[in-house]
């Protein structure tokens, strides 16, 4: 039903393939327009729109390791490094 299409990226000007599988996915989701950016440019745009998160340095309440977290810790609750946090889940 669907056939691969060659499209030109709006940002970098390179050709990219809009595969039959991608077209089927777009149709299932109800998207009416073809993509205008290649995958690399879509990822770059998505990342740039997120913006840089402010990170806060902490000392892990379990192991004492220094780490950074994306929120301002409260003094009344323990804060863990990413490894200890996974262990506490």
Foldseek 3Di string as FASTA:
>chain_A
DDAWDWAAAPPPRDIDICHRVNVVVCVVVVNDDDDRHDPVVVVVVVVVVVDDADWDWDQAPPPRDIAIDRDDDDPVDGDHHPVVVVVVD
